[in-house]
Amino acid sequence: EVQLVESGGGSVQAGGSLRLSCTGSGFTFDDPDMGWYRQHPGNECELVSMIRRDGSTYYTDSVKGRFTISQDNAKNMVYLQMNSLKPEDTAVYYCAVTEGPMGWVPQCLDSRRAYWGQGTQVTVSS
């Protein structure tokens, strides 16, 4: 059974930093993509960042230069360092892993598209 456990969310003021961590277990596919989605109430589920086993990465435009994704393949862990946080970064952040290429999903926690963590709240106040 695939399990993803997130940690590191919280509340910060604008300009602050948070680091999200995700530990994965139970998946045996050879070349998983791991990443982070976020969803604010009333908004669509957004792919924030993802990383492949070869280290290639993707960032949505709004976080480029502020967020950094990294991984520890041996431990099936993925991290998201978030700096210069803005109020619009406020959302529930979900760790996800896919067997194939990670991309757009119609809704966070859609089990047809990815395996998901439970989500962690990030709140940025102005």
C-alpha atoms as a PDB file:
ATOM      1  CA  GLU A   1       0.000   0.000   0.000  1.00  0.00           C
ATOM      2  CA  VAL A   2       1.365   3.377  -1.004  1.00  0.00           C
ATOM      3  CA  GLN A   3       1.590   5.841   1.862  1.00  0.00           C
ATOM      4  CA  LEU A   4       2.712   9.444   1.840  1.00  0.00           C
ATOM      5  CA  VAL A   5       3.152  11.378   5.065  1.00  0.00           C
ATOM      6  CA  GLU A   6       3.653  15.132   5.003  1.00  0.00           C
ATOM      7  CA  SER A   7       4.972  17.498   7.611  1.00  0.00           C
ATOM      8  CA  GLY A   8       6.089  21.083   7.866  1.00  0.00           C
ATOM      9  CA  GLY A   9       3.023  23.187   7.218  1.00  0.00           C
ATOM     10  CA  GLY A  10       2.026  26.074   9.418  1.00  0.00           C
ATOM     11  CA  SER A  11       1.376  29.775   9.617  1.00  0.00           C
ATOM     12  CA  VAL A  12       3.857  32.472   8.714  1.00  0.00           C
ATOM     13  CA  GLN A  13       3.862  36.120   7.808  1.00  0.00           C
ATOM     14  CA  ALA A  14       4.444  37.258   4.278  1.00  0.00           C
ATOM     15  CA  GLY A  15       8.105  37.040   3.390  1.00  0.00           C
ATOM     16  CA  GLY A  16       8.678  34.101   5.680  1.00  0.00           C
ATOM     17  CA  SER A  17       9.742  30.554   4.894  1.00  0.00           C
ATOM     18  CA  LEU A  18       8.480  27.043   5.434  1.00  0.00           C
ATOM     19  CA  ARG A  19       9.831  23.649   4.474  1.00  0.00           C
ATOM     20  CA  LEU A  20       7.490  20.831   3.625  1.00  0.00           C
ATOM     21  CA  SER A  21       8.627  17.222   3.846  1.00  0.00           C
ATOM     22  CA  CYS A  22       7.025  14.083   2.519  1.00  0.00           C
ATOM     23  CA  THR A  23       8.015  10.505   3.230  1.00  0.00           C
ATOM     24  CA  GLY A  24       6.790   7.833   0.863  1.00  0.00           C
ATOM     25  CA  SER A  25       6.545   4.101   1.380  1.00  0.00           C
ATOM     26  CA  GLY A  26       5.015   1.078  -0.259  1.00  0.00           C
ATOM     27  CA  PHE A  27       5.600   1.997  -3.887  1.00  0.00           C
ATOM     28  CA  THR A  28       7.821  -0.105  -6.072  1.00  0.00           C
ATOM     29  CA  PHE A  29       7.471   1.511  -9.475  1.00  0.00           C
ATOM     30  CA  ASP A  30      10.780   2.202 -11.083  1.00  0.00           C
ATOM     31  CA  ASP A  31      10.553   5.791 -12.090  1.00  0.00           C
ATOM     32  CA  PRO A  32       8.100   7.731  -9.966  1.00  0.00           C
ATOM     33  CA  ASP A  33       7.472  11.437 -10.174  1.00  0.00           C
ATOM     34  CA  MET A  34       7.061  13.063  -6.785  1.00  0.00           C
ATOM     35  CA  GLY A  35       5.698  16.498  -6.206  1.00  0.00           C
ATOM     36  CA  TRP A  36       3.394  18.921  -4.508  1.00  0.00           C
ATOM     37  CA  TYR A  37      -0.055  20.143  -5.385  1.00  0.00           C
ATOM     38  CA  ARG A  38      -2.032  22.798  -3.585  1.00  0.00           C
ATOM     39  CA  GLN A  39      -5.656  23.754  -3.332  1.00  0.00           C
ATOM     40  CA  HIS A  40      -7.261  26.794  -1.832  1.00  0.00           C
ATOM     41  CA  PRO A  41     -11.008  26.615  -1.219  1.00  0.00           C
ATOM     42  CA  GLY A  42     -12.798  27.625  -4.373  1.00  0.00           C
ATOM     43  CA  ASN A  43      -9.718  27.231  -6.513  1.00  0.00           C
ATOM     44  CA  GLU A  44      -8.634  24.370  -8.701  1.00  0.00           C
ATOM     45  CA  CYS A  45      -5.967  21.915  -7.718  1.00  0.00           C
ATOM     46  CA  GLU A  46      -2.624  23.278  -8.861  1.00  0.00           C
ATOM     47  CA  LEU A  47       0.607  21.406  -9.499  1.00  0.00           C
ATOM     48  CA  VAL A  48       3.139  23.545  -7.662  1.00  0.00           C
ATOM     49  CA  SER A  49       6.311  21.587  -8.295  1.00  0.00           C
ATOM     50  CA  MET A  50       7.496  18.115  -9.194  1.00  0.00           C
ATOM     51  CA  ILE A  51      10.758  16.235  -9.477  1.00  0.00           C
ATOM     52  CA  ARG A  52      11.717  13.159 -11.409  1.00  0.00           C
ATOM     53  CA  ARG A  53      14.192  10.465 -10.408  1.00  0.00           C
ATOM     54  CA  ASP A  54      16.743  11.976 -12.751  1.00  0.00           C
ATOM     55  CA  GLY A  55      16.462  15.257 -10.875  1.00  0.00           C
ATOM     56  CA  SER A  56      14.614  17.225 -13.505  1.00  0.00           C
ATOM     57  CA  THR A  57      12.089  19.599 -12.016  1.00  0.00           C
ATOM     58  CA  TYR A  58       9.006  21.635 -12.792  1.00  0.00           C
ATOM     59  CA  TYR A  59       7.676  24.748 -11.062  1.00  0.00           C
ATOM     60  CA  THR A  60       4.503  26.624 -11.715  1.00  0.00           C
ATOM     61  CA  ASP A  61       5.258  30.182 -12.771  1.00  0.00           C
ATOM     62  CA  SER A  62       4.019  31.830  -9.599  1.00  0.00           C
ATOM     63  CA  VAL A  63       6.601  30.068  -7.407  1.00  0.00           C
ATOM     64  CA  LYS A  64       9.671  30.144  -9.638  1.00  0.00           C
ATOM     65  CA  GLY A  65      12.612  31.676  -7.829  1.00  0.00           C
ATOM     66  CA  ARG A  66      10.928  31.271  -4.446  1.00  0.00           C
ATOM     67  CA  PHE A  67      10.325  27.533  -4.036  1.00  0.00           C
ATOM     68  CA  THR A  68      12.846  24.726  -4.378  1.00  0.00           C
ATOM     69  CA  ILE A  69      12.001  21.053  -4.625  1.00  0.00           C
ATOM     70  CA  SER A  70      14.473  18.349  -3.725  1.00  0.00           C
ATOM     71  CA  GLN A  71      14.454  14.640  -3.019  1.00  0.00           C
ATOM     72  CA  ASP A  72      16.247  11.832  -1.287  1.00  0.00           C
ATOM     73  CA  ASN A  73      15.704   8.854  -3.569  1.00  0.00           C
ATOM     74  CA  ALA A  74      17.092   6.347  -1.118  1.00  0.00           C
ATOM     75  CA  LYS A  75      14.515   7.367   1.464  1.00  0.00           C
ATOM     76  CA  ASN A  76      11.651   8.133  -0.939  1.00  0.00           C
ATOM     77  CA  MET A  77      11.461  11.606   0.495  1.00  0.00           C
ATOM     78  CA  VAL A  78      10.640  14.852  -1.232  1.00  0.00           C
ATOM     79  CA  TYR A  79      10.983  18.354   0.167  1.00  0.00           C
ATOM     80  CA  LEU A  80       9.617  21.736  -0.775  1.00  0.00           C
ATOM     81  CA  GLN A  81      11.527  24.744   0.513  1.00  0.00           C
ATOM     82  CA  MET A  82       9.247  27.756   0.299  1.00  0.00           C
ATOM     83  CA  ASN A  83      10.794  31.188   0.671  1.00  0.00           C
ATOM     84  CA  SER A  84       9.420  34.690   0.274  1.00  0.00           C
ATOM     85  CA  LEU A  85       5.953  33.384   0.959  1.00  0.00           C
ATOM     86  CA  LYS A  86       2.974  35.441  -0.133  1.00  0.00           C
ATOM     87  CA  PRO A  87      -0.631  35.424   1.074  1.00  0.00           C
ATOM     88  CA  GLU A  88      -1.641  33.878  -2.229  1.00  0.00           C
ATOM     89  CA  ASP A  89       0.448  30.818  -1.352  1.00  0.00           C
ATOM     90  CA  THR A  90      -2.095  30.013   1.330  1.00  0.00           C
ATOM     91  CA  ALA A  91      -3.575  26.589   0.591  1.00  0.00           C
ATOM     92  CA  VAL A  92      -3.603  22.964   1.585  1.00  0.00           C
ATOM     93  CA  TYR A  93      -0.489  21.386   0.128  1.00  0.00           C
ATOM     94  CA  TYR A  94      -0.578  17.746  -0.914  1.00  0.00           C
ATOM     95  CA  CYS A  95       2.366  15.492  -1.545  1.00  0.00           C
ATOM     96  CA  ALA A  96       1.780  13.174  -4.492  1.00  0.00           C
ATOM     97  CA  VAL A  97       3.514  10.396  -6.377  1.00  0.00           C
ATOM     98  CA  THR A  98       2.737   9.014  -9.815  1.00  0.00           C
ATOM     99  CA  GLU A  99       3.931   6.047 -11.801  1.00  0.00           C
ATOM    100  CA  GLY A 100       3.887   8.071 -14.979  1.00  0.00           C
ATOM    101  CA  PRO A 101       4.380  11.745 -15.733  1.00  0.00           C
ATOM    102  CA  MET A 102       2.869  14.043 -13.134  1.00  0.00           C
ATOM    103  CA  GLY A 103       0.605  16.770 -14.442  1.00  0.00           C
ATOM    104  CA  TRP A 104      -2.759  18.415 -14.282  1.00  0.00           C
ATOM    105  CA  VAL A 105      -5.470  16.741 -12.228  1.00  0.00           C
ATOM    106  CA  PRO A 106      -9.162  17.672 -12.089  1.00  0.00           C
ATOM    107  CA  GLN A 107      -9.198  17.558  -8.315  1.00  0.00           C
ATOM    108  CA  CYS A 108      -6.681  17.027  -5.566  1.00  0.00           C
ATOM    109  CA  LEU A 109      -6.918  13.605  -3.924  1.00  0.00           C
ATOM    110  CA  ASP A 110      -8.134  12.037  -7.181  1.00  0.00           C
ATOM    111  CA  SER A 111      -6.854   8.504  -6.702  1.00  0.00           C
ATOM    112  CA  ARG A 112      -7.117   7.791 -10.429  1.00  0.00           C
ATOM    113  CA  ARG A 113      -4.387  10.313 -11.112  1.00  0.00           C
ATOM    114  CA  ALA A 114      -1.898   9.917  -8.255  1.00  0.00           C
ATOM    115  CA  TYR A 115      -1.241   8.657  -4.789  1.00  0.00           C
ATOM    116  CA  TRP A 116      -1.709  11.383  -2.192  1.00  0.00           C
ATOM    117  CA  GLY A 117      -0.691  12.421   1.254  1.00  0.00           C
ATOM    118  CA  GLN A 118      -3.205  13.715   3.735  1.00  0.00           C
ATOM    119  CA  GLY A 119      -2.406  17.366   3.087  1.00  0.00           C
ATOM    120  CA  THR A 120      -0.835  20.049   5.204  1.00  0.00           C
ATOM    121  CA  GLN A 121      -2.146  23.578   5.675  1.00  0.00           C
ATOM    122  CA  VAL A 122       0.055  26.532   4.770  1.00  0.00           C
ATOM    123  CA  THR A 123      -1.256  29.928   5.836  1.00  0.00           C
ATOM    124  CA  VAL A 124       0.541  33.148   4.932  1.00  0.00           C
ATOM    125  CA  SER A 125      -0.686  36.349   6.522  1.00  0.00           C
ATOM    126  CA  SER A 126      -0.048  39.813   5.169  1.00  0.00           C
END
